[in-house]
Amino acid sequence: MGRQSEPRGAVPLRADSAGAPGGETPIPETLAVFDELVKAGKIRHFGLSNESSWGVMRFIAEADKGVGPRLASLQNAYNFVNRGFEVNLAEVCEREQVSLLAYSPLAQGYLTGKYDHGARPQGSRSQLFNRGQRYETPNAAEAQLEYNELARSFGMEPALFANAYVTSRPFVTSSIIGATTLPQLEMALSSADVVWSEDMQKAVDAIHQRVGNPCP
């Protein structure tokens, strides 16, 4: 299950029924394949990634008709600068018992502070690959800097603060972390021990009210 090649605003490669436009694969057809895989013992459950509320509900509706297994998880981006999941998907996933596996809690490194003020450290992901379109929107840098400075005001490294926020959300089942060094891994794991306070949440929400979701 994927998206087309456009970095933003892409359309999921699925459709509600046969004869769909644009070469999309009908959801019932996709679900039937997952059903075969489960019955063959090749997978236990299946999940979707980068899916919309409509897509999630269509997969669930088809499963409820007996077409195939029920959706178990949703892997979508979630972080300070992309809280779009909260708009509709949080309610859908809670009511339908679909687990959120939140990816990119550090917004591809932009919430670590290493790219603040336009920096491009040697060997960094942005310097090597230059694929951060989602996190390089017109208002992104200012928002990222605000969150990183907020983290420091609480006496925390920005990366720890950003990871702790995602881990603390009640609708997040698991946070998908990435690390290139052992210290980075240890930091990410330690975020589960951070006690996320009401003051932290109020400060984060105050920024969010001003900047919204600059990196959808």
N, C-alpha and C. Protein backbone atom coordinates (compact mmCIF):
# COMPACT_ATOMS: atom_id res chain seq x y z
N MET A 1 0.85 -1.18 0.00
CA MET A 1 0.00 0.00 0.00
C MET A 1 0.89 1.23 0.00
N GLY A 2 0.80 2.01 -1.00
CA GLY A 2 1.69 3.15 -1.05
C GLY A 2 1.02 4.37 -1.64
N ARG A 3 1.84 5.35 -1.88
CA ARG A 3 1.36 6.58 -2.49
C ARG A 3 2.08 6.80 -3.80
N GLN A 4 1.55 7.70 -4.60
CA GLN A 4 2.23 8.06 -5.82
C GLN A 4 3.48 8.84 -5.47
N SER A 5 4.29 9.16 -6.48
CA SER A 5 5.62 9.70 -6.22
C SER A 5 5.64 11.13 -5.71
N GLU A 6 4.55 11.87 -5.84
CA GLU A 6 4.56 13.25 -5.37
C GLU A 6 4.80 13.30 -3.87
N PRO A 7 5.71 14.19 -3.40
CA PRO A 7 6.04 14.22 -1.98
C PRO A 7 4.92 14.71 -1.09
N ARG A 8 4.02 15.57 -1.62
CA ARG A 8 2.95 16.10 -0.80
C ARG A 8 1.66 16.10 -1.61
N GLY A 9 0.54 15.87 -0.94
CA GLY A 9 -0.75 15.92 -1.61
C GLY A 9 -1.01 14.76 -2.54
N ALA A 10 -0.29 13.66 -2.36
CA ALA A 10 -0.46 12.51 -3.24
C ALA A 10 -1.75 11.76 -2.91
N VAL A 11 -2.19 10.95 -3.85
CA VAL A 11 -3.43 10.19 -3.69
C VAL A 11 -3.10 8.73 -3.41
N PRO A 12 -3.71 8.12 -2.42
CA PRO A 12 -3.45 6.70 -2.14
C PRO A 12 -3.77 5.83 -3.35
N LEU A 13 -3.00 4.77 -3.52
CA LEU A 13 -3.21 3.86 -4.64
C LEU A 13 -4.28 2.84 -4.30
N ARG A 14 -5.50 3.30 -4.10
CA ARG A 14 -6.61 2.41 -3.82
C ARG A 14 -7.90 3.09 -4.24
N ALA A 15 -8.91 2.30 -4.46
CA ALA A 15 -10.21 2.84 -4.87
C ALA A 15 -11.31 2.06 -4.19
N ASP A 16 -12.51 2.64 -4.23
CA ASP A 16 -13.63 2.05 -3.51
C ASP A 16 -14.20 0.82 -4.21
N SER A 17 -14.06 0.75 -5.52
CA SER A 17 -14.66 -0.37 -6.25
C SER A 17 -13.92 -0.64 -7.54
N ALA A 18 -14.31 -1.70 -8.23
CA ALA A 18 -13.69 -2.04 -9.50
C ALA A 18 -13.97 -0.94 -10.53
N GLY A 19 -13.14 -0.90 -11.56
CA GLY A 19 -13.31 0.11 -12.60
C GLY A 19 -12.89 1.49 -12.13
N ALA A 20 -11.97 1.54 -11.18
CA ALA A 20 -11.54 2.82 -10.61
C ALA A 20 -10.66 3.58 -11.60
N PRO A 21 -10.69 4.92 -11.55
CA PRO A 21 -9.87 5.72 -12.44
C PRO A 21 -8.41 5.72 -12.01
N GLY A 22 -7.53 6.06 -12.96
CA GLY A 22 -6.13 6.27 -12.63
C GLY A 22 -5.37 5.02 -12.26
N GLY A 23 -5.88 3.85 -12.58
CA GLY A 23 -5.14 2.63 -12.27
C GLY A 23 -5.13 2.26 -10.81
N GLU A 24 -6.02 2.83 -10.01
CA GLU A 24 -6.06 2.50 -8.59
C GLU A 24 -6.57 1.07 -8.40
N THR A 25 -6.06 0.42 -7.36
CA THR A 25 -6.49 -0.95 -7.05
C THR A 25 -7.70 -0.90 -6.13
N PRO A 26 -8.79 -1.58 -6.48
CA PRO A 26 -9.99 -1.58 -5.62
C PRO A 26 -9.67 -2.13 -4.24
N ILE A 27 -10.22 -1.51 -3.22
CA ILE A 27 -9.99 -1.94 -1.85
C ILE A 27 -10.42 -3.39 -1.62
N PRO A 28 -11.59 -3.82 -2.10
CA PRO A 28 -11.97 -5.22 -1.89
C PRO A 28 -10.94 -6.20 -2.46
N GLU A 29 -10.37 -5.84 -3.60
CA GLU A 29 -9.36 -6.72 -4.22
C GLU A 29 -8.11 -6.80 -3.36
N THR A 30 -7.67 -5.66 -2.86
CA THR A 30 -6.50 -5.63 -1.99
C THR A 30 -6.75 -6.42 -0.71
N LEU A 31 -7.92 -6.22 -0.12
CA LEU A 31 -8.25 -6.90 1.12
C LEU A 31 -8.34 -8.41 0.92
N ALA A 32 -8.82 -8.84 -0.22
CA ALA A 32 -8.91 -10.27 -0.52
C ALA A 32 -7.53 -10.90 -0.57
N VAL A 33 -6.55 -10.16 -1.07
CA VAL A 33 -5.17 -10.66 -1.10
C VAL A 33 -4.63 -10.83 0.32
N PHE A 34 -4.90 -9.84 1.17
CA PHE A 34 -4.47 -9.96 2.57
C PHE A 34 -5.13 -11.17 3.23
N ASP A 35 -6.37 -11.42 2.87
CA ASP A 35 -7.09 -12.56 3.43
C ASP A 35 -6.38 -13.87 3.05
N GLU A 36 -5.94 -13.96 1.81
CA GLU A 36 -5.22 -15.15 1.35
C GLU A 36 -3.90 -15.31 2.11
N LEU A 37 -3.21 -14.20 2.33
CA LEU A 37 -1.93 -14.25 3.03
C LEU A 37 -2.09 -14.69 4.48
N VAL A 38 -3.15 -14.21 5.13
CA VAL A 38 -3.42 -14.62 6.51
C VAL A 38 -3.74 -16.11 6.56
N LYS A 39 -4.60 -16.56 5.67
CA LYS A 39 -5.00 -17.97 5.66
C LYS A 39 -3.83 -18.89 5.32
N ALA A 40 -2.87 -18.37 4.54
CA ALA A 40 -1.69 -19.17 4.18
C ALA A 40 -0.64 -19.16 5.28
N GLY A 41 -0.89 -18.38 6.33
CA GLY A 41 0.05 -18.31 7.43
C GLY A 41 1.27 -17.45 7.16
N LYS A 42 1.22 -16.64 6.11
CA LYS A 42 2.36 -15.80 5.76
C LYS A 42 2.38 -14.49 6.54
N ILE A 43 1.23 -14.02 6.96
CA ILE A 43 1.14 -12.85 7.82
C ILE A 43 0.06 -13.12 8.87
N ARG A 44 0.14 -12.39 9.97
CA ARG A 44 -0.89 -12.51 11.01
C ARG A 44 -1.92 -11.39 10.91
N HIS A 45 -1.41 -10.19 10.66
CA HIS A 45 -2.27 -9.02 10.57
C HIS A 45 -1.71 -8.12 9.47
N PHE A 46 -2.46 -7.10 9.09
CA PHE A 46 -1.95 -6.15 8.12
C PHE A 46 -2.27 -4.73 8.58
N GLY A 47 -1.47 -3.80 8.07
CA GLY A 47 -1.69 -2.40 8.39
C GLY A 47 -1.54 -1.54 7.14
N LEU A 48 -1.90 -0.29 7.26
CA LEU A 48 -1.79 0.68 6.18
C LEU A 48 -0.80 1.76 6.57
N SER A 49 -0.33 2.50 5.57
CA SER A 49 0.58 3.61 5.83
C SER A 49 0.17 4.81 4.99
N ASN A 50 0.31 5.99 5.56
CA ASN A 50 -0.03 7.24 4.86
C ASN A 50 -1.46 7.21 4.32
N GLU A 51 -2.35 6.73 5.15
CA GLU A 51 -3.74 6.59 4.72
C GLU A 51 -4.61 7.69 5.32
N SER A 52 -5.72 7.96 4.64
CA SER A 52 -6.68 8.98 5.07
C SER A 52 -7.80 8.35 5.88
N SER A 53 -8.64 9.20 6.47
CA SER A 53 -9.80 8.71 7.22
C SER A 53 -10.72 7.91 6.31
N TRP A 54 -10.93 8.41 5.10
CA TRP A 54 -11.79 7.71 4.15
C TRP A 54 -11.25 6.31 3.85
N GLY A 55 -9.95 6.24 3.58
CA GLY A 55 -9.36 4.95 3.26
C GLY A 55 -9.45 3.96 4.40
N VAL A 56 -9.16 4.42 5.61
CA VAL A 56 -9.25 3.55 6.78
C VAL A 56 -10.66 3.00 6.93
N MET A 57 -11.65 3.87 6.83
CA MET A 57 -13.04 3.43 7.01
C MET A 57 -13.51 2.50 5.88
N ARG A 58 -13.01 2.70 4.67
CA ARG A 58 -13.41 1.80 3.58
C ARG A 58 -12.83 0.41 3.80
N PHE A 59 -11.59 0.32 4.25
CA PHE A 59 -11.00 -0.99 4.54
C PHE A 59 -11.77 -1.68 5.66
N ILE A 60 -12.15 -0.91 6.67
CA ILE A 60 -12.90 -1.48 7.79
C ILE A 60 -14.28 -1.94 7.33
N ALA A 61 -14.94 -1.14 6.51
CA ALA A 61 -16.27 -1.49 6.02
C ALA A 61 -16.24 -2.77 5.20
N GLU A 62 -15.24 -2.91 4.36
CA GLU A 62 -15.13 -4.12 3.54
C GLU A 62 -14.83 -5.34 4.41
N ALA A 63 -14.00 -5.15 5.43
CA ALA A 63 -13.70 -6.26 6.33
C ALA A 63 -14.95 -6.69 7.08
N ASP A 64 -15.75 -5.72 7.48
CA ASP A 64 -16.99 -6.04 8.20
C ASP A 64 -18.00 -6.78 7.32
N LYS A 65 -17.83 -6.66 6.00
CA LYS A 65 -18.68 -7.42 5.07
C LYS A 65 -18.18 -8.85 4.89
N GLY A 66 -17.00 -9.13 5.46
CA GLY A 66 -16.45 -10.47 5.33
C GLY A 66 -15.49 -10.64 4.17
N VAL A 67 -15.09 -9.53 3.55
CA VAL A 67 -14.19 -9.60 2.39
C VAL A 67 -12.79 -10.06 2.80
N GLY A 68 -12.35 -9.66 3.99
CA GLY A 68 -11.01 -10.01 4.43
C GLY A 68 -10.80 -9.62 5.88
N PRO A 69 -9.55 -9.69 6.36
CA PRO A 69 -9.25 -9.39 7.75
C PRO A 69 -9.42 -7.91 8.07
N ARG A 70 -9.59 -7.63 9.33
CA ARG A 70 -9.75 -6.24 9.76
C ARG A 70 -8.38 -5.57 9.87
N LEU A 71 -8.36 -4.30 9.54
CA LEU A 71 -7.15 -3.49 9.65
C LEU A 71 -6.66 -3.46 11.10
N ALA A 72 -5.37 -3.71 11.31
CA ALA A 72 -4.82 -3.74 12.66
C ALA A 72 -4.09 -2.46 13.04
N SER A 73 -3.42 -1.84 12.07
CA SER A 73 -2.60 -0.68 12.42
C SER A 73 -2.52 0.32 11.28
N LEU A 74 -2.15 1.53 11.64
CA LEU A 74 -1.96 2.61 10.68
C LEU A 74 -0.62 3.26 10.97
N GLN A 75 0.22 3.34 9.95
CA GLN A 75 1.54 3.95 10.10
C GLN A 75 1.52 5.30 9.38
N ASN A 76 1.34 6.36 10.15
CA ASN A 76 1.31 7.72 9.60
C ASN A 76 2.32 8.59 10.33
N ALA A 77 2.75 9.64 9.67
CA ALA A 77 3.67 10.59 10.32
C ALA A 77 2.94 11.33 11.43
N TYR A 78 3.66 11.58 12.52
CA TYR A 78 3.10 12.37 13.61
C TYR A 78 4.24 13.00 14.40
N ASN A 79 4.20 14.32 14.53
CA ASN A 79 5.22 15.05 15.28
C ASN A 79 4.72 16.48 15.53
N PHE A 80 5.54 17.31 16.13
CA PHE A 80 5.12 18.68 16.45
C PHE A 80 4.60 19.44 15.23
N VAL A 81 5.28 19.29 14.10
CA VAL A 81 4.93 20.10 12.93
C VAL A 81 3.98 19.38 11.98
N ASN A 82 3.53 18.21 12.38
CA ASN A 82 2.55 17.47 11.59
C ASN A 82 1.62 16.72 12.54
N ARG A 83 0.61 17.42 13.03
CA ARG A 83 -0.36 16.82 13.94
C ARG A 83 -1.69 16.57 13.23
N GLY A 84 -1.62 16.38 11.93
CA GLY A 84 -2.82 16.17 11.15
C GLY A 84 -3.62 14.95 11.58
N PHE A 85 -2.96 13.96 12.16
CA PHE A 85 -3.65 12.75 12.62
C PHE A 85 -4.75 13.09 13.61
N GLU A 86 -4.57 14.16 14.37
CA GLU A 86 -5.53 14.50 15.41
C GLU A 86 -6.87 14.98 14.84
N VAL A 87 -6.87 15.46 13.61
CA VAL A 87 -8.07 16.11 13.06
C VAL A 87 -9.23 15.13 12.92
N ASN A 88 -9.01 14.01 12.26
CA ASN A 88 -10.08 13.02 12.07
C ASN A 88 -9.64 11.60 12.42
N LEU A 89 -8.41 11.29 12.09
CA LEU A 89 -7.95 9.91 12.24
C LEU A 89 -7.87 9.44 13.69
N ALA A 90 -7.60 10.35 14.62
CA ALA A 90 -7.51 9.95 16.02
C ALA A 90 -8.83 9.34 16.49
N GLU A 91 -9.93 9.98 16.14
CA GLU A 91 -11.24 9.45 16.54
C GLU A 91 -11.54 8.14 15.82
N VAL A 92 -11.27 8.09 14.53
CA VAL A 92 -11.52 6.87 13.76
C VAL A 92 -10.76 5.69 14.36
N CYS A 93 -9.47 5.90 14.62
CA CYS A 93 -8.64 4.80 15.12
C CYS A 93 -9.05 4.37 16.53
N GLU A 94 -9.44 5.33 17.36
CA GLU A 94 -9.86 4.97 18.72
C GLU A 94 -11.15 4.15 18.68
N ARG A 95 -12.12 4.61 17.93
CA ARG A 95 -13.42 3.94 17.90
C ARG A 95 -13.37 2.59 17.18
N GLU A 96 -12.48 2.49 16.20
CA GLU A 96 -12.39 1.25 15.42
C GLU A 96 -11.26 0.34 15.88
N GLN A 97 -10.57 0.74 16.95
CA GLN A 97 -9.50 -0.08 17.53
C GLN A 97 -8.38 -0.36 16.52
N VAL A 98 -7.91 0.70 15.90
CA VAL A 98 -6.77 0.62 14.98
C VAL A 98 -5.58 1.30 15.64
N SER A 99 -4.47 0.61 15.72
CA SER A 99 -3.29 1.15 16.41
C SER A 99 -2.52 2.12 15.52
N LEU A 100 -2.09 3.26 16.09
CA LEU A 100 -1.24 4.19 15.36
C LEU A 100 0.22 3.87 15.63
N LEU A 101 0.97 3.60 14.57
CA LEU A 101 2.42 3.45 14.64
C LEU A 101 2.99 4.74 14.06
N ALA A 102 3.32 5.67 14.93
CA ALA A 102 3.72 7.01 14.49
C ALA A 102 5.16 7.02 13.98
N TYR A 103 5.33 7.44 12.73
CA TYR A 103 6.70 7.53 12.22
C TYR A 103 7.13 8.99 12.12
N SER A 104 8.43 9.17 12.00
CA SER A 104 9.04 10.50 11.88
C SER A 104 8.76 11.40 13.08
N PRO A 105 8.93 10.91 14.32
CA PRO A 105 8.71 11.76 15.49
C PRO A 105 9.66 12.95 15.54
N LEU A 106 10.80 12.84 14.85
CA LEU A 106 11.77 13.94 14.83
C LEU A 106 11.71 14.73 13.52
N ALA A 107 10.68 14.48 12.71
CA ALA A 107 10.51 15.21 11.46
C ALA A 107 11.78 15.16 10.61
N GLN A 108 12.27 13.95 10.39
CA GLN A 108 13.48 13.71 9.60
C GLN A 108 14.67 14.50 10.14
N GLY A 109 14.72 14.67 11.44
CA GLY A 109 15.86 15.33 12.07
C GLY A 109 15.69 16.81 12.30
N TYR A 110 14.64 17.41 11.76
CA TYR A 110 14.46 18.85 11.90
C TYR A 110 14.04 19.24 13.32
N LEU A 111 13.60 18.28 14.12
CA LEU A 111 13.25 18.57 15.51
C LEU A 111 14.35 18.14 16.47
N THR A 112 15.56 17.98 15.95
CA THR A 112 16.72 17.71 16.81
C THR A 112 17.52 18.97 17.08
N GLY A 113 17.26 20.01 16.29
CA GLY A 113 18.00 21.26 16.44
C GLY A 113 19.20 21.37 15.53
N LYS A 114 19.58 20.28 14.86
CA LYS A 114 20.81 20.33 14.07
C LYS A 114 20.66 21.15 12.78
N TYR A 115 19.42 21.40 12.38
CA TYR A 115 19.20 22.21 11.17
C TYR A 115 18.75 23.63 11.49
N ASP A 116 18.77 23.99 12.76
CA ASP A 116 18.34 25.34 13.15
C ASP A 116 19.15 26.41 12.43
N HIS A 117 18.47 27.50 12.08
CA HIS A 117 19.09 28.66 11.44
C HIS A 117 19.74 28.28 10.10
N GLY A 118 19.16 27.28 9.42
CA GLY A 118 19.65 26.93 8.10
C GLY A 118 20.89 26.07 8.06
N ALA A 119 21.32 25.54 9.18
CA ALA A 119 22.53 24.71 9.22
C ALA A 119 22.33 23.42 8.42
N ARG A 120 23.41 22.94 7.81
CA ARG A 120 23.42 21.67 7.09
C ARG A 120 24.69 20.91 7.49
N PRO A 121 24.66 20.23 8.63
CA PRO A 121 25.86 19.54 9.12
C PRO A 121 26.37 18.50 8.12
N GLN A 122 27.67 18.39 8.02
CA GLN A 122 28.28 17.40 7.14
C GLN A 122 27.86 16.00 7.56
N GLY A 123 27.42 15.21 6.59
CA GLY A 123 27.02 13.85 6.88
C GLY A 123 25.59 13.69 7.34
N SER A 124 24.86 14.80 7.50
CA SER A 124 23.47 14.71 7.94
C SER A 124 22.58 14.25 6.79
N ARG A 125 21.41 13.76 7.12
CA ARG A 125 20.48 13.26 6.11
C ARG A 125 20.15 14.32 5.07
N SER A 126 19.88 15.54 5.53
CA SER A 126 19.52 16.60 4.61
C SER A 126 20.68 16.95 3.68
N GLN A 127 21.89 16.92 4.21
CA GLN A 127 23.06 17.25 3.41
C GLN A 127 23.38 16.15 2.40
N LEU A 128 23.12 14.91 2.77
CA LEU A 128 23.45 13.78 1.90
C LEU A 128 22.39 13.54 0.82
N PHE A 129 21.11 13.66 1.20
CA PHE A 129 20.05 13.24 0.29
C PHE A 129 19.14 14.37 -0.19
N ASN A 130 19.03 15.43 0.57
CA ASN A 130 18.19 16.57 0.18
C ASN A 130 16.79 16.12 -0.22
N ARG A 131 16.15 15.34 0.66
CA ARG A 131 14.81 14.84 0.37
C ARG A 131 13.80 15.29 1.44
N GLY A 132 14.02 16.42 2.02
CA GLY A 132 13.15 16.84 3.12
C GLY A 132 12.03 17.76 2.71
N GLN A 133 11.45 17.53 1.52
CA GLN A 133 10.44 18.47 1.02
C GLN A 133 9.33 18.72 2.03
N ARG A 134 8.84 17.68 2.66
CA ARG A 134 7.74 17.83 3.62
C ARG A 134 8.13 18.76 4.75
N TYR A 135 9.39 18.71 5.16
CA TYR A 135 9.83 19.48 6.32
C TYR A 135 10.60 20.74 5.93
N GLU A 136 10.47 21.15 4.67
CA GLU A 136 11.11 22.37 4.21
C GLU A 136 10.10 23.29 3.53
N THR A 137 8.88 23.27 4.03
CA THR A 137 7.84 24.16 3.52
C THR A 137 8.14 25.60 3.96
N PRO A 138 7.48 26.60 3.37
CA PRO A 138 7.81 28.00 3.67
C PRO A 138 7.82 28.37 5.15
N ASN A 139 6.91 27.83 5.95
CA ASN A 139 6.84 28.21 7.36
C ASN A 139 7.44 27.17 8.30
N ALA A 140 8.06 26.14 7.73
CA ALA A 140 8.54 25.03 8.55
C ALA A 140 9.69 25.42 9.47
N ALA A 141 10.70 26.10 8.92
CA ALA A 141 11.91 26.39 9.69
C ALA A 141 11.60 27.19 10.95
N GLU A 142 10.74 28.18 10.82
CA GLU A 142 10.38 29.01 11.98
C GLU A 142 9.68 28.18 13.05
N ALA A 143 8.76 27.33 12.64
CA ALA A 143 8.04 26.48 13.59
C ALA A 143 8.98 25.49 14.26
N GLN A 144 9.83 24.86 13.48
CA GLN A 144 10.78 23.89 14.04
C GLN A 144 11.69 24.55 15.06
N LEU A 145 12.16 25.75 14.75
CA LEU A 145 13.02 26.46 15.68
C LEU A 145 12.29 26.78 16.97
N GLU A 146 11.04 27.17 16.89
CA GLU A 146 10.26 27.46 18.09
C GLU A 146 10.16 26.25 19.00
N TYR A 147 9.86 25.09 18.42
CA TYR A 147 9.75 23.87 19.23
C TYR A 147 11.10 23.48 19.81
N ASN A 148 12.16 23.64 19.04
CA ASN A 148 13.48 23.28 19.54
C ASN A 148 13.92 24.19 20.68
N GLU A 149 13.59 25.47 20.56
CA GLU A 149 13.92 26.41 21.64
C GLU A 149 13.05 26.15 22.87
N LEU A 150 11.82 25.73 22.64
CA LEU A 150 10.94 25.38 23.76
C LEU A 150 11.53 24.21 24.54
N ALA A 151 12.03 23.22 23.83
CA ALA A 151 12.65 22.07 24.48
C ALA A 151 13.78 22.51 25.39
N ARG A 152 14.62 23.39 24.89
CA ARG A 152 15.76 23.88 25.67
C ARG A 152 15.30 24.66 26.89
N SER A 153 14.18 25.36 26.75
CA SER A 153 13.67 26.12 27.90
C SER A 153 13.23 25.21 29.03
N PHE A 154 12.91 23.95 28.70
CA PHE A 154 12.56 22.95 29.72
C PHE A 154 13.78 22.13 30.13
N GLY A 155 14.96 22.55 29.67
CA GLY A 155 16.19 21.86 30.04
C GLY A 155 16.39 20.53 29.37
N MET A 156 15.80 20.36 28.18
CA MET A 156 15.89 19.09 27.47
C MET A 156 16.45 19.30 26.07
N GLU A 157 17.13 18.27 25.58
CA GLU A 157 17.57 18.29 24.19
C GLU A 157 16.32 18.22 23.29
N PRO A 158 16.31 18.96 22.18
CA PRO A 158 15.14 18.95 21.31
C PRO A 158 14.69 17.55 20.89
N ALA A 159 15.64 16.67 20.58
CA ALA A 159 15.28 15.32 20.13
C ALA A 159 14.56 14.54 21.23
N LEU A 160 15.04 14.67 22.45
CA LEU A 160 14.40 13.98 23.57
C LEU A 160 12.99 14.53 23.78
N PHE A 161 12.87 15.84 23.72
CA PHE A 161 11.58 16.51 23.92
C PHE A 161 10.57 16.08 22.86
N ALA A 162 11.00 16.06 21.60
CA ALA A 162 10.10 15.69 20.50
C ALA A 162 9.67 14.23 20.59
N ASN A 163 10.61 13.35 20.92
CA ASN A 163 10.27 11.93 21.08
C ASN A 163 9.33 11.72 22.25
N ALA A 164 9.59 12.43 23.35
CA ALA A 164 8.76 12.27 24.54
C ALA A 164 7.33 12.72 24.28
N TYR A 165 7.19 13.77 23.48
CA TYR A 165 5.84 14.25 23.15
C TYR A 165 5.04 13.17 22.43
N VAL A 166 5.63 12.59 21.40
CA VAL A 166 4.92 11.56 20.62
C VAL A 166 4.61 10.36 21.50
N THR A 167 5.57 9.94 22.30
CA THR A 167 5.37 8.78 23.17
C THR A 167 4.25 9.03 24.18
N SER A 168 4.08 10.28 24.59
CA SER A 168 3.10 10.61 25.63
C SER A 168 1.66 10.64 25.13
N ARG A 169 1.47 10.68 23.81
CA ARG A 169 0.11 10.83 23.29
C ARG A 169 -0.69 9.54 23.51
N PRO A 170 -1.90 9.65 24.04
CA PRO A 170 -2.70 8.46 24.37
C PRO A 170 -3.11 7.64 23.15
N PHE A 171 -3.12 8.25 21.97
CA PHE A 171 -3.54 7.53 20.77
C PHE A 171 -2.37 6.89 20.01
N VAL A 172 -1.15 7.05 20.52
CA VAL A 172 0.02 6.45 19.89
C VAL A 172 0.30 5.09 20.52
N THR A 173 0.23 4.04 19.71
CA THR A 173 0.53 2.70 20.21
C THR A 173 2.03 2.47 20.28
N SER A 174 2.73 2.93 19.25
CA SER A 174 4.18 2.78 19.21
C SER A 174 4.77 3.88 18.35
N SER A 175 5.93 4.36 18.74
CA SER A 175 6.63 5.39 17.98
C SER A 175 7.78 4.73 17.23
N ILE A 176 7.86 4.97 15.94
CA ILE A 176 8.92 4.38 15.11
C ILE A 176 10.12 5.31 15.12
N ILE A 177 11.18 4.87 15.77
CA ILE A 177 12.36 5.71 15.93
C ILE A 177 13.45 5.29 14.95
N GLY A 178 14.37 6.21 14.71
CA GLY A 178 15.51 5.91 13.86
C GLY A 178 16.77 6.47 14.51
N ALA A 179 17.87 5.76 14.37
CA ALA A 179 19.12 6.20 14.98
C ALA A 179 20.29 5.70 14.17
N THR A 180 21.34 6.50 14.09
CA THR A 180 22.57 6.08 13.41
C THR A 180 23.70 5.83 14.38
N THR A 181 23.51 6.21 15.64
CA THR A 181 24.53 5.97 16.66
C THR A 181 23.87 5.40 17.91
N LEU A 182 24.65 4.73 18.75
CA LEU A 182 24.13 4.17 19.98
C LEU A 182 23.58 5.26 20.91
N PRO A 183 24.28 6.40 21.09
CA PRO A 183 23.73 7.46 21.94
C PRO A 183 22.36 7.94 21.45
N GLN A 184 22.18 8.02 20.13
CA GLN A 184 20.88 8.44 19.61
C GLN A 184 19.80 7.42 19.96
N LEU A 185 20.14 6.15 19.87
CA LEU A 185 19.19 5.10 20.23
C LEU A 185 18.84 5.16 21.70
N GLU A 186 19.85 5.34 22.54
CA GLU A 186 19.62 5.42 23.98
C GLU A 186 18.74 6.61 24.33
N MET A 187 18.97 7.73 23.65
CA MET A 187 18.14 8.92 23.89
C MET A 187 16.69 8.65 23.51
N ALA A 188 16.50 8.05 22.34
CA ALA A 188 15.14 7.79 21.88
C ALA A 188 14.40 6.87 22.84
N LEU A 189 15.07 5.84 23.31
CA LEU A 189 14.44 4.90 24.24
C LEU A 189 14.14 5.56 25.58
N SER A 190 15.02 6.47 26.00
CA SER A 190 14.83 7.12 27.30
C SER A 190 13.64 8.07 27.29
N SER A 191 13.16 8.44 26.11
CA SER A 191 12.02 9.36 26.04
C SER A 191 10.78 8.75 26.68
N ALA A 192 10.73 7.43 26.75
CA ALA A 192 9.58 6.76 27.37
C ALA A 192 9.54 7.01 28.87
N ASP A 193 10.66 7.42 29.44
CA ASP A 193 10.73 7.67 30.88
C ASP A 193 10.45 9.12 31.25
N VAL A 194 10.32 9.98 30.24
CA VAL A 194 10.05 11.39 30.50
C VAL A 194 8.61 11.56 30.98
N VAL A 195 8.44 12.28 32.06
CA VAL A 195 7.09 12.59 32.56
C VAL A 195 6.61 13.84 31.84
N TRP A 196 5.69 13.66 30.92
CA TRP A 196 5.20 14.79 30.12
C TRP A 196 4.22 15.59 30.97
N SER A 197 4.59 16.84 31.26
CA SER A 197 3.81 17.65 32.19
C SER A 197 2.73 18.49 31.49
N GLU A 198 1.82 18.98 32.29
CA GLU A 198 0.76 19.85 31.77
C GLU A 198 1.36 21.14 31.22
N ASP A 199 2.40 21.65 31.89
CA ASP A 199 3.05 22.87 31.42
C ASP A 199 3.69 22.66 30.05
N MET A 200 4.30 21.50 29.85
CA MET A 200 4.89 21.19 28.55
C MET A 200 3.81 21.18 27.47
N GLN A 201 2.70 20.53 27.78
CA GLN A 201 1.63 20.41 26.79
C GLN A 201 1.03 21.77 26.46
N LYS A 202 0.84 22.60 27.46
CA LYS A 202 0.28 23.94 27.22
C LYS A 202 1.22 24.76 26.35
N ALA A 203 2.52 24.64 26.59
CA ALA A 203 3.49 25.40 25.81
C ALA A 203 3.53 24.91 24.36
N VAL A 204 3.46 23.60 24.18
CA VAL A 204 3.43 23.03 22.83
C VAL A 204 2.17 23.46 22.10
N ASP A 205 1.04 23.39 22.78
CA ASP A 205 -0.23 23.77 22.16
C ASP A 205 -0.28 25.26 21.81
N ALA A 206 0.38 26.08 22.61
CA ALA A 206 0.41 27.52 22.32
C ALA A 206 1.12 27.78 20.99
N ILE A 207 2.21 27.07 20.76
CA ILE A 207 2.91 27.20 19.48
C ILE A 207 2.04 26.66 18.36
N HIS A 208 1.44 25.51 18.61
CA HIS A 208 0.60 24.87 17.59
C HIS A 208 -0.56 25.77 17.17
N GLN A 209 -1.13 26.50 18.11
CA GLN A 209 -2.23 27.40 17.78
C GLN A 209 -1.79 28.50 16.82
N ARG A 210 -0.52 28.88 16.90
CA ARG A 210 0.01 29.92 16.02
C ARG A 210 0.46 29.39 14.67
N VAL A 211 1.15 28.25 14.68
CA VAL A 211 1.79 27.78 13.45
C VAL A 211 1.02 26.65 12.75
N GLY A 212 0.08 26.01 13.46
CA GLY A 212 -0.69 24.93 12.85
C GLY A 212 0.17 23.73 12.48
N ASN A 213 -0.11 23.17 11.32
CA ASN A 213 0.64 22.01 10.80
C ASN A 213 1.39 22.43 9.54
N PRO A 214 2.57 23.02 9.68
CA PRO A 214 3.29 23.51 8.50
C PRO A 214 3.87 22.41 7.61
N CYS A 215 3.89 21.18 8.11
CA CYS A 215 4.50 20.08 7.34
C CYS A 215 3.54 18.90 7.20
N PRO A 216 2.41 19.08 6.53
CA PRO A 216 1.42 18.00 6.43
C PRO A 216 1.90 16.85 5.54
